Protein backbone atom coordinates (compact mmCIF):
# COMPACT_ATOMS: atom_id res chain seq x y z
CA MET A 1 -4.11 -1.39 28.39
CA ARG A 2 -5.13 1.59 30.50
CA LEU A 3 -4.92 5.04 28.89
CA VAL A 4 -3.92 7.82 31.31
CA ALA A 5 -4.81 11.20 29.75
CA SER A 6 -6.58 14.38 30.74
CA GLU A 7 -9.78 15.47 29.03
CA ASN A 8 -7.78 18.28 27.40
CA VAL A 9 -5.46 15.75 25.73
CA LEU A 10 -8.36 13.55 24.62
CA ARG A 11 -10.12 16.58 23.12
CA HIS A 12 -6.91 17.53 21.26
CA ILE A 13 -6.71 14.03 19.74
CA ARG A 14 -10.43 13.91 18.88
CA GLU A 15 -10.19 17.29 17.09
CA ARG A 16 -7.49 15.90 14.78
CA SER A 17 -8.48 12.35 13.88
CA GLY A 18 -9.72 10.58 16.99
CA SER A 19 -6.80 8.16 16.72
CA LEU A 20 -3.37 8.04 18.32
CA TYR A 21 -0.51 6.12 16.70
CA VAL A 22 2.41 5.12 18.93
CA TRP A 23 5.77 3.60 17.94
CA ALA A 24 9.29 3.36 19.36
CA ARG A 25 12.34 5.23 18.08
CA SER A 26 15.86 4.28 19.17
CA GLU A 27 18.81 6.62 19.26
CA ARG A 28 22.33 6.59 20.63
CA CYS A 29 22.81 8.74 23.69
CA CYS A 30 25.31 8.96 26.52
CA GLY A 31 27.32 5.93 25.38
CA GLY A 32 24.29 3.68 24.98
CA ARG A 33 21.01 3.25 23.16
CA THR A 34 17.82 4.95 24.30
CA THR A 35 14.35 4.05 23.07
CA VAL A 36 11.59 6.63 23.30
CA LEU A 37 7.98 6.72 22.13
CA GLU A 38 6.85 8.78 19.14
CA THR A 39 3.21 9.70 18.47
CA SER A 40 1.01 11.00 15.69
CA THR A 41 -2.70 11.51 15.08
CA GLU A 42 -2.17 10.54 11.43
CA PRO A 43 -1.04 7.04 10.42
CA PRO A 44 2.68 6.85 9.60
CA ALA A 45 3.93 4.44 6.94
CA ARG A 46 4.24 1.32 9.14
CA ASP A 47 2.03 -1.46 10.50
CA PHE A 48 -0.10 -0.91 13.60
CA ARG A 49 -2.58 -2.90 15.69
CA LEU A 50 -5.62 -1.44 17.44
CA VAL A 51 -5.49 -1.66 21.24
CA GLU A 52 -8.73 -1.41 23.21
CA CYS A 53 -8.67 1.40 25.75
CA GLY A 54 -12.14 2.96 25.41
CA GLU A 55 -11.57 6.71 25.16
CA ILE A 56 -9.96 6.99 21.70
CA ASP A 57 -8.55 4.60 19.11
CA VAL A 58 -4.96 3.80 20.08
CA PHE A 59 -2.77 2.02 17.56
CA LEU A 60 0.55 0.50 18.65
CA ALA A 61 3.25 -0.37 16.13
CA THR A 62 3.41 -4.09 15.45
CA THR A 63 7.19 -3.89 16.03
CA LEU A 64 6.61 -3.29 19.76
CA ALA A 65 7.23 -6.60 21.53
CA CYS A 66 4.56 -6.04 24.19
CA GLU A 67 1.98 -3.50 25.19
CA PRO A 68 2.20 -1.43 28.38
CA ASP A 69 -0.07 -1.80 31.37
CA GLU A 70 -0.55 1.98 31.14
CA LEU A 71 0.05 4.48 28.35
CA HIS A 72 0.41 8.01 29.73
CA VAL A 73 -0.33 10.77 27.21
CA GLU A 74 0.33 14.51 27.67
CA LEU A 75 0.43 17.68 25.58
CA ARG A 76 3.81 19.44 25.36
CA GLY A 77 4.32 23.02 24.17
CA ARG A 78 2.01 26.02 23.97
CA ARG A 79 1.97 27.45 20.46
CA SER A 80 2.03 24.17 18.60
CA PRO A 81 1.33 21.46 21.17
CA ARG A 82 2.59 17.97 20.46
CA ILE A 83 1.51 14.72 22.04
CA ALA A 84 4.02 12.97 24.30
CA ALA A 85 3.52 9.37 25.41
CA TYR A 86 5.09 7.48 28.29
CA TRP A 87 5.17 3.69 28.73
CA ASN A 88 3.96 2.69 32.20
CA GLY A 89 4.83 6.23 33.32
CA CYS A 90 8.46 6.10 32.07
CA ALA A 91 9.99 8.26 29.35
CA TRP A 92 12.11 5.38 28.04
CA VAL A 93 10.94 2.02 26.76
CA VAL A 94 12.89 -1.02 27.91
């Protein structure tokens, strides 16, 4: 898996724990179901597997059926920035 992230994002993750945890969350929207990615620098109460990407430790939830070719990671917000992740560049996971 290729991690696509700026040095600013990588520094933000390293300052917290050096690890990024990624899992999917489904919700109903617009008459259908949408699945988006959630992230944390602290391990949530679920099972994860380490994915080699070099820059930081990335853990994907074991419930994800496959891993992306690319995981895009950005910081969102100014006062209290949060980490947003995109699967192969898309906001929704299929």
